[in-house]
Amino acid sequence: MFKSVTKFGPGVGLGLILAAAAYFPTQGTRVPTLLIALLLGMAAAGILTKPAFKPGNDVLAKPLLRIGVALMGFRITISDLQALGWQPALIAVAAAFGTLCLGYLVGRALQLPRPTAFLTATSVAICGASAALAIATVLARRPNSNVERDVVATVASITIIGTIAVVVYPAICHLLNLPMIPSAVFLGSSIHEVAQVVAASDVYGEAATPAATTVKMIRVAMLPVVIFSLLMILSWLDRKDGPDSETEATVPVFLLGFVAAIVVANTGWLTPAGIAALTKMSSLCLIISMVALGANTSIKGVMLLGPRAVGALMIQTAIIAAISAGGVALMMAMG
């Protein structure tokens, strides 16, 4: 026990302190907590990567990340999805699927590596930084993926882009004089993070937030399908490239945990307070792991990838906004 504390304690302790420094000052504000946690981790990299701190930092970077992603499943309830209706649900699915396909092609056209093109497209299509972290746990198994560098560039860029959308998208809805529900559907199907959707829809009052959030959660619910499909596609592409590059498409344990969390959340076994506590725990795990991930990242490496990754994310963001706007316009035309 004492040896474990000595080995992991310094890194875990410092990581938790930095995560708290990112979390508490940003509560009740529109400041992106994950981005602050990432920057603090990068700033403390000189300490957290030293031999005395690295074992604990590695624990926070990987196992805790997988736990946080698995617990995200508790956010998804079937009753909320059923209450929404089929039209907004179809818009959310079409926006996510269209962005995945077109976004990947955009990434490859900008000469991003194949895994990175998947990473950026999925993060925009599903749930921003959280999806990027989930996909990174799959891509990390691949040789020479540079996943930590790629995911940090993606998280930093997509958080900033999403924060801008929180301000710009509601203004566009007001300018076009869109009713509350169509606006909520657009915001939920186009903005990256759940917290950003809540912040953007808040300008319409409390009635708009549940609709916008539910639309957003439909995109989040697609995460298991996307990851499993990614595993199959990457395995097929590797076989196509040659037997020496083939990798085994095994289902990650955290993905099974995500699906199990969805099932448990919809059985009625847990109280609303219990589900709220687990979803909060998910957010905290992602914040803490973001600190550790930032510490393991080379700023120079991020800058090498940055311009192309940012360009891909901006175009992918425009794609999902365009598909969402088209879906909302069609929904309004159909009455």
C-alpha atoms as a PDB file:
ATOM      1  CA  MET A   1       0.000   0.000   0.000  1.00  0.00           C
ATOM      2  CA  PHE A   2       2.734   2.450   1.013  1.00  0.00           C
ATOM      3  CA  LYS A   3       4.681   1.704  -2.170  1.00  0.00           C
ATOM      4  CA  SER A   4       1.595   2.380  -4.310  1.00  0.00           C
ATOM      5  CA  VAL A   5       0.982   5.697  -2.583  1.00  0.00           C
ATOM      6  CA  THR A   6       4.615   6.667  -3.034  1.00  0.00           C
ATOM      7  CA  LYS A   7       4.579   5.650  -6.696  1.00  0.00           C
ATOM      8  CA  PHE A   8       1.262   7.119  -7.812  1.00  0.00           C
ATOM      9  CA  GLY A   9       0.484   9.716  -5.124  1.00  0.00           C
ATOM     10  CA  PRO A  10       2.526  12.712  -6.357  1.00  0.00           C
ATOM     11  CA  GLY A  11       1.221  12.571  -9.927  1.00  0.00           C
ATOM     12  CA  VAL A  12      -2.372  11.874  -8.918  1.00  0.00           C
ATOM     13  CA  GLY A  13      -2.309  14.573  -6.246  1.00  0.00           C
ATOM     14  CA  LEU A  14      -0.941  17.284  -8.530  1.00  0.00           C
ATOM     15  CA  GLY A  15      -3.334  16.262 -11.311  1.00  0.00           C
ATOM     16  CA  LEU A  16      -6.313  16.569  -8.970  1.00  0.00           C
ATOM     17  CA  ILE A  17      -5.159  19.990  -7.791  1.00  0.00           C
ATOM     18  CA  LEU A  18      -4.856  21.252 -11.370  1.00  0.00           C
ATOM     19  CA  ALA A  19      -8.246  19.780 -12.272  1.00  0.00           C
ATOM     20  CA  ALA A  20      -9.810  21.572  -9.287  1.00  0.00           C
ATOM     21  CA  ALA A  21      -8.139  24.794 -10.438  1.00  0.00           C
ATOM     22  CA  ALA A  22      -9.817  24.348 -13.829  1.00  0.00           C
ATOM     23  CA  TYR A  23     -13.200  23.214 -12.488  1.00  0.00           C
ATOM     24  CA  PHE A  24     -14.229  25.510  -9.645  1.00  0.00           C
ATOM     25  CA  PRO A  25     -13.496  28.959 -11.173  1.00  0.00           C
ATOM     26  CA  THR A  26     -15.373  28.070 -14.364  1.00  0.00           C
ATOM     27  CA  GLN A  27     -18.606  26.843 -12.757  1.00  0.00           C
ATOM     28  CA  GLY A  28     -21.545  29.098 -13.589  1.00  0.00           C
ATOM     29  CA  THR A  29     -19.615  30.697 -16.447  1.00  0.00           C
ATOM     30  CA  ARG A  30     -19.267  30.014 -20.159  1.00  0.00           C
ATOM     31  CA  VAL A  31     -15.533  29.430 -19.832  1.00  0.00           C
ATOM     32  CA  PRO A  32     -14.751  25.950 -21.296  1.00  0.00           C
ATOM     33  CA  THR A  33     -13.513  23.846 -18.369  1.00  0.00           C
ATOM     34  CA  LEU A  34     -11.941  21.137 -20.532  1.00  0.00           C
ATOM     35  CA  LEU A  35      -9.847  23.682 -22.405  1.00  0.00           C
ATOM     36  CA  ILE A  36      -8.626  25.263 -19.158  1.00  0.00           C
ATOM     37  CA  ALA A  37      -7.749  21.801 -17.798  1.00  0.00           C
ATOM     38  CA  LEU A  38      -5.837  21.035 -20.990  1.00  0.00           C
ATOM     39  CA  LEU A  39      -3.843  24.268 -20.808  1.00  0.00           C
ATOM     40  CA  LEU A  40      -3.014  23.756 -17.132  1.00  0.00           C
ATOM     41  CA  GLY A  41      -1.766  20.260 -17.879  1.00  0.00           C
ATOM     42  CA  MET A  42       0.425  21.528 -20.691  1.00  0.00           C
ATOM     43  CA  ALA A  43       1.770  24.283 -18.436  1.00  0.00           C
ATOM     44  CA  ALA A  44       2.673  21.728 -15.750  1.00  0.00           C
ATOM     45  CA  ALA A  45       4.173  19.213 -18.182  1.00  0.00           C
ATOM     46  CA  GLY A  46       7.678  19.889 -16.931  1.00  0.00           C
ATOM     47  CA  ILE A  47       6.673  18.572 -13.496  1.00  0.00           C
ATOM     48  CA  LEU A  48       4.091  15.907 -14.340  1.00  0.00           C
ATOM     49  CA  THR A  49       6.426  14.122 -16.760  1.00  0.00           C
ATOM     50  CA  LYS A  50       9.240  13.763 -14.210  1.00  0.00           C
ATOM     51  CA  PRO A  51       9.845  10.218 -12.886  1.00  0.00           C
ATOM     52  CA  ALA A  52       8.288  10.999  -9.501  1.00  0.00           C
ATOM     53  CA  PHE A  53       5.020  12.248 -11.053  1.00  0.00           C
ATOM     54  CA  LYS A  54       4.678  10.321 -14.326  1.00  0.00           C
ATOM     55  CA  PRO A  55       3.188   7.028 -12.973  1.00  0.00           C
ATOM     56  CA  GLY A  56       0.320   8.877 -11.296  1.00  0.00           C
ATOM     57  CA  ASN A  57      -0.179  11.104 -14.315  1.00  0.00           C
ATOM     58  CA  ASP A  58      -0.440   8.044 -16.577  1.00  0.00           C
ATOM     59  CA  VAL A  59      -3.174   6.610 -14.331  1.00  0.00           C
ATOM     60  CA  LEU A  60      -5.201   9.789 -14.760  1.00  0.00           C
ATOM     61  CA  ALA A  61      -4.567   9.953 -18.513  1.00  0.00           C
ATOM     62  CA  LYS A  62      -5.836   6.513 -19.499  1.00  0.00           C
ATOM     63  CA  PRO A  63      -7.910   4.454 -17.014  1.00  0.00           C
ATOM     64  CA  LEU A  64      -9.749   7.508 -15.704  1.00  0.00           C
ATOM     65  CA  LEU A  65     -10.464   8.674 -19.238  1.00  0.00           C
ATOM     66  CA  ARG A  66     -12.115   5.356 -20.093  1.00  0.00           C
ATOM     67  CA  ILE A  67     -14.228   5.503 -16.935  1.00  0.00           C
ATOM     68  CA  GLY A  68     -15.391   9.027 -17.789  1.00  0.00           C
ATOM     69  CA  VAL A  69     -16.427   8.027 -21.298  1.00  0.00           C
ATOM     70  CA  ALA A  70     -18.287   4.940 -20.047  1.00  0.00           C
ATOM     71  CA  LEU A  71     -20.243   6.993 -17.498  1.00  0.00           C
ATOM     72  CA  MET A  72     -21.453   9.314 -20.270  1.00  0.00           C
ATOM     73  CA  GLY A  73     -24.067   6.668 -21.049  1.00  0.00           C
ATOM     74  CA  PHE A  74     -26.051   7.672 -17.960  1.00  0.00           C
ATOM     75  CA  ARG A  75     -26.980  10.921 -19.723  1.00  0.00           C
ATOM     76  CA  ILE A  76     -29.166   9.149 -22.282  1.00  0.00           C
ATOM     77  CA  THR A  77     -32.783   8.292 -21.427  1.00  0.00           C
ATOM     78  CA  ILE A  78     -35.253   6.705 -23.832  1.00  0.00           C
ATOM     79  CA  SER A  79     -38.204   8.668 -22.433  1.00  0.00           C
ATOM     80  CA  ASP A  80     -36.582  11.979 -23.387  1.00  0.00           C
ATOM     81  CA  LEU A  81     -35.867  10.697 -26.892  1.00  0.00           C
ATOM     82  CA  GLN A  82     -39.455   9.471 -27.345  1.00  0.00           C
ATOM     83  CA  ALA A  83     -40.925  12.767 -26.161  1.00  0.00           C
ATOM     84  CA  LEU A  84     -38.909  14.659 -28.754  1.00  0.00           C
ATOM     85  CA  GLY A  85     -40.619  13.177 -31.825  1.00  0.00           C
ATOM     86  CA  TRP A  86     -39.246  11.678 -35.021  1.00  0.00           C
ATOM     87  CA  GLN A  87     -38.459  14.834 -37.012  1.00  0.00           C
ATOM     88  CA  PRO A  88     -35.874  16.389 -34.641  1.00  0.00           C
ATOM     89  CA  ALA A  89     -34.432  12.926 -34.023  1.00  0.00           C
ATOM     90  CA  LEU A  90     -34.005  12.376 -37.760  1.00  0.00           C
ATOM     91  CA  ILE A  91     -32.339  15.772 -38.135  1.00  0.00           C
ATOM     92  CA  ALA A  92     -29.842  14.918 -35.389  1.00  0.00           C
ATOM     93  CA  VAL A  93     -29.000  11.541 -36.934  1.00  0.00           C
ATOM     94  CA  ALA A  94     -28.688  12.979 -40.449  1.00  0.00           C
ATOM     95  CA  ALA A  95     -26.455  15.811 -39.227  1.00  0.00           C
ATOM     96  CA  ALA A  96     -24.164  13.427 -37.361  1.00  0.00           C
ATOM     97  CA  PHE A  97     -23.968  10.808 -40.103  1.00  0.00           C
ATOM     98  CA  GLY A  98     -23.508  13.359 -42.879  1.00  0.00           C
ATOM     99  CA  THR A  99     -20.739  15.104 -40.956  1.00  0.00           C
ATOM    100  CA  LEU A 100     -18.974  11.824 -40.272  1.00  0.00           C
ATOM    101  CA  CYS A 101     -18.854  10.936 -43.963  1.00  0.00           C
ATOM    102  CA  LEU A 102     -18.227  14.352 -45.491  1.00  0.00           C
ATOM    103  CA  GLY A 103     -15.995  15.445 -42.605  1.00  0.00           C
ATOM    104  CA  TYR A 104     -13.703  12.461 -43.078  1.00  0.00           C
ATOM    105  CA  LEU A 105     -13.356  13.268 -46.779  1.00  0.00           C
ATOM    106  CA  VAL A 106     -12.532  16.874 -45.897  1.00  0.00           C
ATOM    107  CA  GLY A 107      -9.838  15.747 -43.489  1.00  0.00           C
ATOM    108  CA  ARG A 108      -8.248  13.498 -46.075  1.00  0.00           C
ATOM    109  CA  ALA A 109      -8.462  16.259 -48.712  1.00  0.00           C
ATOM    110  CA  LEU A 110      -6.491  18.463 -46.306  1.00  0.00           C
ATOM    111  CA  GLN A 111      -3.898  15.671 -46.073  1.00  0.00           C
ATOM    112  CA  LEU A 112      -4.639  14.775 -42.476  1.00  0.00           C
ATOM    113  CA  PRO A 113      -3.599  11.232 -41.535  1.00  0.00           C
ATOM    114  CA  ARG A 114      -6.422   8.728 -41.772  1.00  0.00           C
ATOM    115  CA  PRO A 115      -6.911   8.342 -37.980  1.00  0.00           C
ATOM    116  CA  THR A 116      -6.831  12.110 -37.484  1.00  0.00           C
ATOM    117  CA  ALA A 117      -9.470  12.630 -40.157  1.00  0.00           C
ATOM    118  CA  PHE A 118     -11.701  10.178 -38.264  1.00  0.00           C
ATOM    119  CA  LEU A 119     -10.877  11.970 -35.010  1.00  0.00           C
ATOM    120  CA  THR A 120     -11.852  15.448 -36.176  1.00  0.00           C
ATOM    121  CA  ALA A 121     -14.967  14.326 -38.058  1.00  0.00           C
ATOM    122  CA  THR A 122     -16.248  12.301 -35.105  1.00  0.00           C
ATOM    123  CA  SER A 123     -15.611  15.043 -32.575  1.00  0.00           C
ATOM    124  CA  VAL A 124     -17.708  17.486 -34.618  1.00  0.00           C
ATOM    125  CA  ALA A 125     -20.429  14.967 -35.454  1.00  0.00           C
ATOM    126  CA  ILE A 126     -20.973  13.515 -31.973  1.00  0.00           C
ATOM    127  CA  CYS A 127     -20.019  15.510 -28.889  1.00  0.00           C
ATOM    128  CA  GLY A 128     -16.918  17.610 -29.290  1.00  0.00           C
ATOM    129  CA  ALA A 129     -14.044  17.072 -26.885  1.00  0.00           C
ATOM    130  CA  SER A 130     -15.730  14.102 -25.187  1.00  0.00           C
ATOM    131  CA  ALA A 131     -16.010  12.233 -28.487  1.00  0.00           C
ATOM    132  CA  ALA A 132     -12.425  13.134 -29.347  1.00  0.00           C
ATOM    133  CA  LEU A 133     -11.254  11.607 -26.078  1.00  0.00           C
ATOM    134  CA  ALA A 134     -13.323   8.467 -26.666  1.00  0.00           C
ATOM    135  CA  ILE A 135     -12.036   7.995 -30.207  1.00  0.00           C
ATOM    136  CA  ALA A 136      -8.481   8.624 -28.997  1.00  0.00           C
ATOM    137  CA  THR A 137      -8.677   5.593 -26.719  1.00  0.00           C
ATOM    138  CA  VAL A 138      -9.314   3.473 -29.819  1.00  0.00           C
ATOM    139  CA  LEU A 139      -6.704   5.132 -32.012  1.00  0.00           C
ATOM    140  CA  ALA A 140      -4.072   4.886 -29.263  1.00  0.00           C
ATOM    141  CA  ARG A 141      -3.807   1.146 -29.983  1.00  0.00           C
ATOM    142  CA  ARG A 142      -2.531   1.826 -33.465  1.00  0.00           C
ATOM    143  CA  PRO A 143       1.212   2.162 -34.134  1.00  0.00           C
ATOM    144  CA  ASN A 144       2.545   5.622 -34.982  1.00  0.00           C
ATOM    145  CA  SER A 145      -0.862   7.245 -34.508  1.00  0.00           C
ATOM    146  CA  ASN A 146       0.453  10.306 -32.602  1.00  0.00           C
ATOM    147  CA  VAL A 147      -2.959  10.240 -30.963  1.00  0.00           C
ATOM    148  CA  GLU A 148      -2.062  12.352 -27.940  1.00  0.00           C
ATOM    149  CA  ARG A 149      -0.757  15.139 -30.132  1.00  0.00           C
ATOM    150  CA  ASP A 150      -3.745  14.888 -32.462  1.00  0.00           C
ATOM    151  CA  VAL A 151      -6.399  14.783 -29.750  1.00  0.00           C
ATOM    152  CA  VAL A 152      -4.965  17.813 -27.936  1.00  0.00           C
ATOM    153  CA  ALA A 153      -4.987  19.859 -31.148  1.00  0.00           C
ATOM    154  CA  THR A 154      -8.524  18.678 -31.834  1.00  0.00           C
ATOM    155  CA  VAL A 155      -9.828  19.353 -28.317  1.00  0.00           C
ATOM    156  CA  ALA A 156      -8.306  22.818 -28.132  1.00  0.00           C
ATOM    157  CA  SER A 157      -9.590  23.819 -31.564  1.00  0.00           C
ATOM    158  CA  ILE A 158     -13.072  22.345 -31.295  1.00  0.00           C
ATOM    159  CA  THR A 159     -13.620  23.865 -27.853  1.00  0.00           C
ATOM    160  CA  ILE A 160     -12.801  27.328 -29.141  1.00  0.00           C
ATOM    161  CA  ILE A 161     -14.943  26.859 -32.264  1.00  0.00           C
ATOM    162  CA  GLY A 162     -17.845  25.558 -30.168  1.00  0.00           C
ATOM    163  CA  THR A 163     -17.574  28.485 -27.773  1.00  0.00           C
ATOM    164  CA  ILE A 164     -17.852  30.893 -30.694  1.00  0.00           C
ATOM    165  CA  ALA A 165     -20.918  28.985 -31.898  1.00  0.00           C
ATOM    166  CA  VAL A 166     -22.587  29.497 -28.505  1.00  0.00           C
ATOM    167  CA  VAL A 167     -22.630  33.223 -29.219  1.00  0.00           C
ATOM    168  CA  VAL A 168     -23.095  33.256 -33.002  1.00  0.00           C
ATOM    169  CA  TYR A 169     -25.759  30.571 -33.553  1.00  0.00           C
ATOM    170  CA  PRO A 170     -28.451  32.007 -31.241  1.00  0.00           C
ATOM    171  CA  ALA A 171     -27.855  35.421 -32.809  1.00  0.00           C
ATOM    172  CA  ILE A 172     -28.453  33.926 -36.260  1.00  0.00           C
ATOM    173  CA  CYS A 173     -31.661  32.264 -35.051  1.00  0.00           C
ATOM    174  CA  HIS A 174     -32.899  35.606 -33.694  1.00  0.00           C
ATOM    175  CA  LEU A 175     -31.911  37.375 -36.903  1.00  0.00           C
ATOM    176  CA  LEU A 176     -33.944  34.872 -38.932  1.00  0.00           C
ATOM    177  CA  ASN A 177     -36.810  35.142 -36.424  1.00  0.00           C
ATOM    178  CA  LEU A 178     -36.939  31.364 -35.914  1.00  0.00           C
ATOM    179  CA  PRO A 179     -39.457  30.033 -33.369  1.00  0.00           C
ATOM    180  CA  MET A 180     -38.172  28.546 -30.126  1.00  0.00           C
ATOM    181  CA  ILE A 181     -38.445  24.813 -30.938  1.00  0.00           C
ATOM    182  CA  PRO A 182     -36.842  24.968 -34.420  1.00  0.00           C
ATOM    183  CA  SER A 183     -34.057  27.077 -32.906  1.00  0.00           C
ATOM    184  CA  ALA A 184     -33.569  24.540 -30.126  1.00  0.00           C
ATOM    185  CA  VAL A 185     -33.409  21.698 -32.652  1.00  0.00           C
ATOM    186  CA  PHE A 186     -30.829  23.572 -34.723  1.00  0.00           C
ATOM    187  CA  LEU A 187     -28.666  24.327 -31.682  1.00  0.00           C
ATOM    188  CA  GLY A 188     -28.817  20.757 -30.413  1.00  0.00           C
ATOM    189  CA  SER A 189     -27.988  19.220 -33.779  1.00  0.00           C
ATOM    190  CA  SER A 190     -25.107  21.548 -34.678  1.00  0.00           C
ATOM    191  CA  ILE A 191     -23.210  22.669 -31.545  1.00  0.00           C
ATOM    192  CA  HIS A 192     -20.423  20.413 -30.306  1.00  0.00           C
ATOM    193  CA  GLU A 193     -20.528  20.089 -26.493  1.00  0.00           C
ATOM    194  CA  VAL A 194     -23.539  19.340 -24.286  1.00  0.00           C
ATOM    195  CA  ALA A 195     -22.640  22.247 -21.997  1.00  0.00           C
ATOM    196  CA  GLN A 196     -22.369  24.554 -25.002  1.00  0.00           C
ATOM    197  CA  VAL A 197     -25.838  23.498 -26.187  1.00  0.00           C
ATOM    198  CA  VAL A 198     -27.250  24.307 -22.751  1.00  0.00           C
ATOM    199  CA  ALA A 199     -25.566  27.716 -22.758  1.00  0.00           C
ATOM    200  CA  ALA A 200     -26.750  28.563 -26.277  1.00  0.00           C
ATOM    201  CA  SER A 201     -30.357  27.469 -25.715  1.00  0.00           C
ATOM    202  CA  ASP A 202     -30.556  29.309 -22.396  1.00  0.00           C
ATOM    203  CA  VAL A 203     -31.224  32.577 -24.226  1.00  0.00           C
ATOM    204  CA  TYR A 204     -34.689  31.206 -25.107  1.00  0.00           C
ATOM    205  CA  GLY A 205     -35.516  30.354 -21.503  1.00  0.00           C
ATOM    206  CA  GLU A 206     -35.925  27.084 -19.615  1.00  0.00           C
ATOM    207  CA  ALA A 207     -38.428  25.610 -22.096  1.00  0.00           C
ATOM    208  CA  ALA A 208     -35.896  25.467 -24.939  1.00  0.00           C
ATOM    209  CA  THR A 209     -33.078  23.794 -23.043  1.00  0.00           C
ATOM    210  CA  PRO A 210     -34.672  20.303 -22.637  1.00  0.00           C
ATOM    211  CA  ALA A 211     -35.479  20.115 -26.372  1.00  0.00           C
ATOM    212  CA  ALA A 212     -32.021  21.262 -27.442  1.00  0.00           C
ATOM    213  CA  THR A 213     -30.291  18.955 -24.960  1.00  0.00           C
ATOM    214  CA  THR A 214     -32.351  15.932 -26.020  1.00  0.00           C
ATOM    215  CA  VAL A 215     -31.468  16.505 -29.670  1.00  0.00           C
ATOM    216  CA  LYS A 216     -27.842  16.719 -28.628  1.00  0.00           C
ATOM    217  CA  MET A 217     -28.087  13.457 -26.650  1.00  0.00           C
ATOM    218  CA  ILE A 218     -29.272  11.648 -29.784  1.00  0.00           C
ATOM    219  CA  ARG A 219     -25.905  12.477 -31.301  1.00  0.00           C
ATOM    220  CA  VAL A 220     -24.145  11.301 -28.128  1.00  0.00           C
ATOM    221  CA  ALA A 221     -26.122   8.030 -28.252  1.00  0.00           C
ATOM    222  CA  MET A 222     -24.527   7.335 -31.637  1.00  0.00           C
ATOM    223  CA  LEU A 223     -21.064   7.091 -30.039  1.00  0.00           C
ATOM    224  CA  PRO A 224     -21.057   3.271 -29.566  1.00  0.00           C
ATOM    225  CA  VAL A 225     -22.146   2.706 -33.165  1.00  0.00           C
ATOM    226  CA  VAL A 226     -19.536   5.134 -34.445  1.00  0.00           C
ATOM    227  CA  ILE A 227     -16.700   3.574 -32.454  1.00  0.00           C
ATOM    228  CA  PHE A 228     -17.629   0.039 -33.445  1.00  0.00           C
ATOM    229  CA  SER A 229     -17.908   1.107 -37.097  1.00  0.00           C
ATOM    230  CA  LEU A 230     -14.545   2.851 -36.813  1.00  0.00           C
ATOM    231  CA  LEU A 231     -12.958  -0.348 -35.548  1.00  0.00           C
ATOM    232  CA  MET A 232     -14.378  -2.304 -38.464  1.00  0.00           C
ATOM    233  CA  ILE A 233     -13.352   0.306 -41.062  1.00  0.00           C
ATOM    234  CA  LEU A 234      -9.809   0.686 -39.742  1.00  0.00           C
ATOM    235  CA  SER A 235      -9.379  -3.076 -39.622  1.00  0.00           C
ATOM    236  CA  TRP A 236     -10.598  -3.382 -43.229  1.00  0.00           C
ATOM    237  CA  LEU A 237      -8.325  -0.567 -44.402  1.00  0.00           C
ATOM    238  CA  ASP A 238      -5.367  -2.154 -42.656  1.00  0.00           C
ATOM    239  CA  ARG A 239      -6.038  -5.489 -44.366  1.00  0.00           C
ATOM    240  CA  LYS A 240      -6.318  -3.629 -47.660  1.00  0.00           C
ATOM    241  CA  ASP A 241      -2.937  -1.975 -47.081  1.00  0.00           C
ATOM    242  CA  GLY A 242      -1.292  -5.334 -46.458  1.00  0.00           C
ATOM    243  CA  PRO A 243      -0.989  -8.098 -43.862  1.00  0.00           C
ATOM    244  CA  ASP A 244       1.861  -6.377 -42.047  1.00  0.00           C
ATOM    245  CA  SER A 245      -0.371  -3.431 -41.107  1.00  0.00           C
ATOM    246  CA  GLU A 246      -3.359  -5.460 -39.957  1.00  0.00           C
ATOM    247  CA  THR A 247      -4.708  -4.769 -36.464  1.00  0.00           C
ATOM    248  CA  GLU A 248      -7.303  -6.678 -34.506  1.00  0.00           C
ATOM    249  CA  ALA A 249     -10.688  -4.924 -34.171  1.00  0.00           C
ATOM    250  CA  THR A 250     -11.471  -5.652 -30.531  1.00  0.00           C
ATOM    251  CA  VAL A 251     -14.334  -3.872 -28.768  1.00  0.00           C
ATOM    252  CA  PRO A 252     -12.976  -1.600 -25.998  1.00  0.00           C
ATOM    253  CA  VAL A 253     -14.216  -2.320 -22.482  1.00  0.00           C
ATOM    254  CA  PHE A 254     -15.215   1.323 -21.987  1.00  0.00           C
ATOM    255  CA  LEU A 255     -17.595   1.029 -24.947  1.00  0.00           C
ATOM    256  CA  LEU A 256     -19.346  -1.918 -23.297  1.00  0.00           C
ATOM    257  CA  GLY A 257     -19.529   0.202 -20.142  1.00  0.00           C
ATOM    258  CA  PHE A 258     -21.125   3.044 -22.102  1.00  0.00           C
ATOM    259  CA  VAL A 259     -23.831   0.718 -23.438  1.00  0.00           C
ATOM    260  CA  ALA A 260     -24.358  -0.802 -19.978  1.00  0.00           C
ATOM    261  CA  ALA A 261     -24.769   2.690 -18.516  1.00  0.00           C
ATOM    262  CA  ILE A 262     -27.502   3.485 -21.067  1.00  0.00           C
ATOM    263  CA  VAL A 263     -29.327   0.282 -20.118  1.00  0.00           C
ATOM    264  CA  VAL A 264     -29.090   0.945 -16.379  1.00  0.00           C
ATOM    265  CA  ALA A 265     -30.176   4.570 -16.799  1.00  0.00           C
ATOM    266  CA  ASN A 266     -33.393   3.400 -18.460  1.00  0.00           C
ATOM    267  CA  THR A 267     -34.338   0.559 -16.086  1.00  0.00           C
ATOM    268  CA  GLY A 268     -35.524   2.770 -13.232  1.00  0.00           C
ATOM    269  CA  TRP A 269     -33.065   1.147 -10.841  1.00  0.00           C
ATOM    270  CA  LEU A 270     -31.407   4.472 -10.074  1.00  0.00           C
ATOM    271  CA  THR A 271     -33.026   7.626  -8.746  1.00  0.00           C
ATOM    272  CA  PRO A 272     -32.701  10.875 -10.733  1.00  0.00           C
ATOM    273  CA  ALA A 273     -30.259  12.078  -8.073  1.00  0.00           C
ATOM    274  CA  GLY A 274     -28.151   8.960  -8.577  1.00  0.00           C
ATOM    275  CA  ILE A 275     -28.050   9.411 -12.344  1.00  0.00           C
ATOM    276  CA  ALA A 276     -27.162  13.090 -11.898  1.00  0.00           C
ATOM    277  CA  ALA A 277     -24.295  12.116  -9.592  1.00  0.00           C
ATOM    278  CA  LEU A 278     -22.927   9.605 -12.108  1.00  0.00           C
ATOM    279  CA  THR A 279     -23.114  12.082 -14.989  1.00  0.00           C
ATOM    280  CA  LYS A 280     -21.295  14.641 -12.842  1.00  0.00           C
ATOM    281  CA  MET A 281     -18.665  12.002 -12.092  1.00  0.00           C
ATOM    282  CA  SER A 282     -18.267  11.458 -15.818  1.00  0.00           C
ATOM    283  CA  SER A 283     -17.572  15.158 -16.348  1.00  0.00           C
ATOM    284  CA  LEU A 284     -15.063  15.240 -13.505  1.00  0.00           C
ATOM    285  CA  CYS A 285     -13.208  12.190 -14.829  1.00  0.00           C
ATOM    286  CA  LEU A 286     -12.889  13.817 -18.255  1.00  0.00           C
ATOM    287  CA  ILE A 287     -11.611  17.059 -16.730  1.00  0.00           C
ATOM    288  CA  ILE A 288      -8.982  15.265 -14.647  1.00  0.00           C
ATOM    289  CA  SER A 289      -7.840  13.103 -17.555  1.00  0.00           C
ATOM    290  CA  MET A 290      -7.586  16.211 -19.730  1.00  0.00           C
ATOM    291  CA  VAL A 291      -4.983  17.633 -17.350  1.00  0.00           C
ATOM    292  CA  ALA A 292      -2.942  14.440 -17.654  1.00  0.00           C
ATOM    293  CA  LEU A 293      -3.319  14.363 -21.421  1.00  0.00           C
ATOM    294  CA  GLY A 294      -2.113  17.949 -21.688  1.00  0.00           C
ATOM    295  CA  ALA A 295       0.963  17.086 -19.633  1.00  0.00           C
ATOM    296  CA  ASN A 296       1.863  14.278 -22.034  1.00  0.00           C
ATOM    297  CA  THR A 297       1.616  16.501 -25.091  1.00  0.00           C
ATOM    298  CA  SER A 298       4.373  18.268 -26.973  1.00  0.00           C
ATOM    299  CA  ILE A 299       3.403  21.839 -27.855  1.00  0.00           C
ATOM    300  CA  LYS A 300       5.729  21.638 -30.832  1.00  0.00           C
ATOM    301  CA  GLY A 301       3.933  18.526 -32.056  1.00  0.00           C
ATOM    302  CA  VAL A 302       0.544  20.212 -31.731  1.00  0.00           C
ATOM    303  CA  MET A 303       1.727  23.192 -33.748  1.00  0.00           C
ATOM    304  CA  LEU A 304       2.928  20.909 -36.550  1.00  0.00           C
ATOM    305  CA  LEU A 305      -0.573  19.504 -36.985  1.00  0.00           C
ATOM    306  CA  GLY A 306      -2.539  22.563 -35.926  1.00  0.00           C
ATOM    307  CA  PRO A 307      -3.341  24.540 -39.118  1.00  0.00           C
ATOM    308  CA  ARG A 308      -4.662  21.548 -41.038  1.00  0.00           C
ATOM    309  CA  ALA A 309      -6.605  20.212 -38.059  1.00  0.00           C
ATOM    310  CA  VAL A 310      -8.164  23.611 -37.409  1.00  0.00           C
ATOM    311  CA  GLY A 311      -9.074  23.968 -41.071  1.00  0.00           C
ATOM    312  CA  ALA A 312     -10.736  20.550 -41.101  1.00  0.00           C
ATOM    313  CA  LEU A 313     -12.669  21.289 -37.917  1.00  0.00           C
ATOM    314  CA  MET A 314     -13.937  24.610 -39.245  1.00  0.00           C
ATOM    315  CA  ILE A 315     -15.168  23.056 -42.494  1.00  0.00           C
ATOM    316  CA  GLN A 316     -16.700  20.105 -40.620  1.00  0.00           C
ATOM    317  CA  THR A 317     -18.458  22.543 -38.295  1.00  0.00           C
ATOM    318  CA  ALA A 318     -19.877  24.358 -41.315  1.00  0.00           C
ATOM    319  CA  ILE A 319     -21.056  21.016 -42.728  1.00  0.00           C
ATOM    320  CA  ILE A 320     -22.988  20.008 -39.615  1.00  0.00           C
ATOM    321  CA  ALA A 321     -24.495  23.499 -39.331  1.00  0.00           C
ATOM    322  CA  ALA A 322     -25.631  23.395 -42.967  1.00  0.00           C
ATOM    323  CA  ILE A 323     -27.206  19.933 -42.637  1.00  0.00           C
ATOM    324  CA  SER A 324     -28.927  20.949 -39.393  1.00  0.00           C
ATOM    325  CA  ALA A 325     -30.254  24.181 -40.914  1.00  0.00           C
ATOM    326  CA  GLY A 326     -31.564  22.310 -43.940  1.00  0.00           C
ATOM    327  CA  GLY A 327     -33.304  19.771 -41.711  1.00  0.00           C
ATOM    328  CA  VAL A 328     -34.924  22.477 -39.591  1.00  0.00           C
ATOM    329  CA  ALA A 329     -36.102  24.349 -42.685  1.00  0.00           C
ATOM    330  CA  LEU A 330     -37.679  21.138 -44.025  1.00  0.00           C
ATOM    331  CA  MET A 331     -39.301  20.443 -40.642  1.00  0.00           C
ATOM    332  CA  MET A 332     -40.857  23.912 -40.581  1.00  0.00           C
ATOM    333  CA  ALA A 333     -42.051  23.575 -44.189  1.00  0.00           C
ATOM    334  CA  MET A 334     -43.792  20.299 -43.319  1.00  0.00           C
ATOM    335  CA  GLY A 335     -45.512  21.983 -40.389  1.00  0.00           C
END
